[in-house]
């Protein structure tokens, strides 16, 4: 893997870790609310995140 992929993975881990580090109670509440959502809603959220990430990656490169 190239260095830029490792950098991207590291940045994702940093961003993902900020929620539980800075606001553990709010993060726990958010995860609890997400777990109660129907599968179709979660698929839409995941799809939007994938599209947003692809657009950002395309614009940066």
N, C-alpha and C. Protein backbone atom coordinates (compact mmCIF):
# COMPACT_ATOMS: atom_id res chain seq x y z
N UNK A 1 0.84 -1.19 0.00
CA UNK A 1 0.00 0.00 0.00
C UNK A 1 0.88 1.24 0.00
N UNK A 2 0.37 2.25 -0.65
CA UNK A 2 1.15 3.48 -0.69
C UNK A 2 0.99 4.26 0.61
N UNK A 3 1.89 5.19 0.81
CA UNK A 3 1.86 5.99 2.04
C UNK A 3 0.59 6.80 2.18
N UNK A 4 0.02 7.26 1.06
CA UNK A 4 -1.19 8.07 1.15
C UNK A 4 -2.39 7.28 1.66
N UNK A 5 -2.43 5.98 1.33
CA UNK A 5 -3.53 5.15 1.84
C UNK A 5 -3.38 4.97 3.35
N UNK A 6 -2.16 4.74 3.80
CA UNK A 6 -1.95 4.61 5.25
C UNK A 6 -2.27 5.93 5.96
N UNK A 7 -1.93 7.04 5.35
CA UNK A 7 -2.26 8.35 5.92
C UNK A 7 -3.77 8.52 6.01
N UNK A 8 -4.49 8.13 4.96
CA UNK A 8 -5.96 8.24 4.97
C UNK A 8 -6.56 7.36 6.06
N UNK A 9 -6.07 6.14 6.20
CA UNK A 9 -6.58 5.24 7.24
C UNK A 9 -6.31 5.84 8.63
N UNK A 10 -5.12 6.38 8.81
CA UNK A 10 -4.80 7.01 10.10
C UNK A 10 -5.70 8.19 10.41
N UNK A 11 -5.98 9.02 9.41
CA UNK A 11 -6.86 10.16 9.63
C UNK A 11 -8.29 9.73 9.94
N UNK A 12 -8.75 8.67 9.29
CA UNK A 12 -10.08 8.15 9.59
C UNK A 12 -10.14 7.68 11.04
N UNK A 13 -9.11 6.98 11.49
CA UNK A 13 -9.09 6.52 12.88
C UNK A 13 -9.07 7.69 13.86
N UNK A 14 -8.33 8.74 13.55
CA UNK A 14 -8.31 9.92 14.42
C UNK A 14 -9.69 10.55 14.51
N UNK A 15 -10.34 10.74 13.35
CA UNK A 15 -11.66 11.37 13.34
C UNK A 15 -12.68 10.49 14.05
N UNK A 16 -12.63 9.18 13.82
CA UNK A 16 -13.57 8.27 14.47
C UNK A 16 -13.35 8.23 15.98
N UNK A 17 -12.13 8.42 16.42
CA UNK A 17 -11.83 8.36 17.85
C UNK A 17 -12.17 9.63 18.61
N UNK A 18 -12.38 10.73 17.91
CA UNK A 18 -12.67 11.99 18.60
C UNK A 18 -14.00 11.96 19.35
N UNK A 19 -15.00 11.32 18.78
CA UNK A 19 -16.32 11.26 19.43
C UNK A 19 -16.27 10.63 20.81
N UNK A 20 -15.81 9.37 20.91
CA UNK A 20 -15.76 8.75 22.24
C UNK A 20 -14.74 9.40 23.18
N UNK A 21 -13.72 10.03 22.63
CA UNK A 21 -12.72 10.68 23.48
C UNK A 21 -13.26 11.95 24.12
N UNK A 22 -13.92 12.78 23.31
CA UNK A 22 -14.36 14.09 23.80
C UNK A 22 -15.74 14.09 24.43
N UNK A 23 -16.65 13.25 23.95
CA UNK A 23 -18.01 13.24 24.47
C UNK A 23 -18.53 11.80 24.52
N UNK A 24 -18.04 11.00 25.47
CA UNK A 24 -18.43 9.59 25.48
C UNK A 24 -19.93 9.36 25.69
N UNK A 25 -20.56 10.17 26.51
CA UNK A 25 -22.00 9.98 26.75
C UNK A 25 -22.81 10.32 25.51
N UNK A 26 -22.49 11.40 24.84
CA UNK A 26 -23.19 11.77 23.62
C UNK A 26 -22.94 10.76 22.51
N UNK A 27 -21.71 10.24 22.43
CA UNK A 27 -21.38 9.23 21.43
C UNK A 27 -22.18 7.96 21.67
N UNK A 28 -22.28 7.56 22.94
CA UNK A 28 -23.03 6.35 23.29
C UNK A 28 -24.50 6.52 22.93
N UNK A 29 -25.03 7.72 23.19
CA UNK A 29 -26.43 8.00 22.85
C UNK A 29 -26.65 7.94 21.35
N UNK A 30 -25.73 8.50 20.57
CA UNK A 30 -25.84 8.48 19.13
C UNK A 30 -25.81 7.05 18.58
N UNK A 31 -24.90 6.23 19.10
CA UNK A 31 -24.80 4.85 18.65
C UNK A 31 -26.07 4.09 19.02
N UNK A 32 -26.61 4.37 20.19
CA UNK A 32 -27.85 3.72 20.60
C UNK A 32 -29.00 4.09 19.67
N UNK A 33 -29.10 5.36 19.31
CA UNK A 33 -30.15 5.80 18.39
C UNK A 33 -29.96 5.21 17.00
N UNK A 34 -28.72 5.11 16.54
CA UNK A 34 -28.45 4.51 15.24
C UNK A 34 -28.84 3.03 15.21
N UNK A 35 -28.61 2.33 16.32
CA UNK A 35 -28.92 0.90 16.35
C UNK A 35 -30.42 0.64 16.28
N UNK A 36 -31.23 1.64 16.59
CA UNK A 36 -32.68 1.48 16.55
C UNK A 36 -33.27 1.82 15.17
N UNK A 37 -32.46 2.33 14.26
CA UNK A 37 -32.95 2.71 12.94
C UNK A 37 -33.18 1.47 12.07
N UNK A 38 -34.17 1.53 11.19
CA UNK A 38 -34.39 0.41 10.27
C UNK A 38 -33.23 0.26 9.28
N UNK A 39 -33.10 -0.95 8.73
CA UNK A 39 -31.98 -1.24 7.82
C UNK A 39 -31.93 -0.30 6.62
N UNK A 40 -33.07 0.02 6.05
CA UNK A 40 -33.08 0.91 4.88
C UNK A 40 -32.53 2.29 5.21
N UNK A 41 -32.85 2.80 6.39
CA UNK A 41 -32.33 4.11 6.80
C UNK A 41 -30.81 4.05 6.96
N UNK A 42 -30.31 2.98 7.56
CA UNK A 42 -28.86 2.84 7.72
C UNK A 42 -28.17 2.71 6.38
N UNK A 43 -28.80 2.02 5.43
CA UNK A 43 -28.21 1.90 4.09
C UNK A 43 -28.14 3.26 3.41
N UNK A 44 -29.17 4.07 3.58
CA UNK A 44 -29.14 5.42 2.99
C UNK A 44 -28.02 6.26 3.60
N UNK A 45 -27.89 6.19 4.92
CA UNK A 45 -26.83 6.94 5.60
C UNK A 45 -25.46 6.47 5.10
N UNK A 46 -25.27 5.15 5.04
CA UNK A 46 -24.00 4.60 4.56
C UNK A 46 -23.73 5.00 3.12
N UNK A 47 -24.75 4.96 2.28
CA UNK A 47 -24.59 5.36 0.88
C UNK A 47 -24.19 6.81 0.75
N UNK A 48 -24.83 7.66 1.52
CA UNK A 48 -24.49 9.10 1.49
C UNK A 48 -23.05 9.32 1.94
N UNK A 49 -22.62 8.60 2.96
CA UNK A 49 -21.24 8.75 3.44
C UNK A 49 -20.25 8.27 2.38
N UNK A 50 -20.56 7.18 1.71
CA UNK A 50 -19.67 6.68 0.66
C UNK A 50 -19.58 7.68 -0.49
N UNK A 51 -20.71 8.23 -0.91
CA UNK A 51 -20.71 9.20 -2.01
C UNK A 51 -19.95 10.46 -1.60
N UNK A 52 -20.19 10.93 -0.38
CA UNK A 52 -19.49 12.13 0.09
C UNK A 52 -17.99 11.89 0.13
N UNK A 53 -17.57 10.73 0.63
CA UNK A 53 -16.14 10.41 0.68
C UNK A 53 -15.53 10.30 -0.71
N UNK A 54 -16.27 9.71 -1.65
CA UNK A 54 -15.76 9.59 -3.02
C UNK A 54 -15.62 10.96 -3.67
N UNK A 55 -16.59 11.84 -3.44
CA UNK A 55 -16.52 13.19 -4.02
C UNK A 55 -15.33 13.95 -3.44
N UNK A 56 -15.13 13.85 -2.14
CA UNK A 56 -14.00 14.53 -1.50
C UNK A 56 -12.67 13.98 -2.03
N UNK A 57 -12.58 12.65 -2.13
CA UNK A 57 -11.35 12.04 -2.65
C UNK A 57 -11.10 12.47 -4.10
N UNK A 58 -12.16 12.54 -4.89
CA UNK A 58 -12.01 12.96 -6.29
C UNK A 58 -11.55 14.42 -6.38
N UNK A 59 -12.11 15.28 -5.55
CA UNK A 59 -11.76 16.70 -5.60
C UNK A 59 -10.33 16.94 -5.09
N UNK A 60 -9.88 16.14 -4.16
CA UNK A 60 -8.54 16.32 -3.62
C UNK A 60 -7.49 15.82 -4.60
N UNK A 61 -7.82 14.75 -5.31
CA UNK A 61 -6.82 14.16 -6.22
C UNK A 61 -6.75 14.84 -7.56
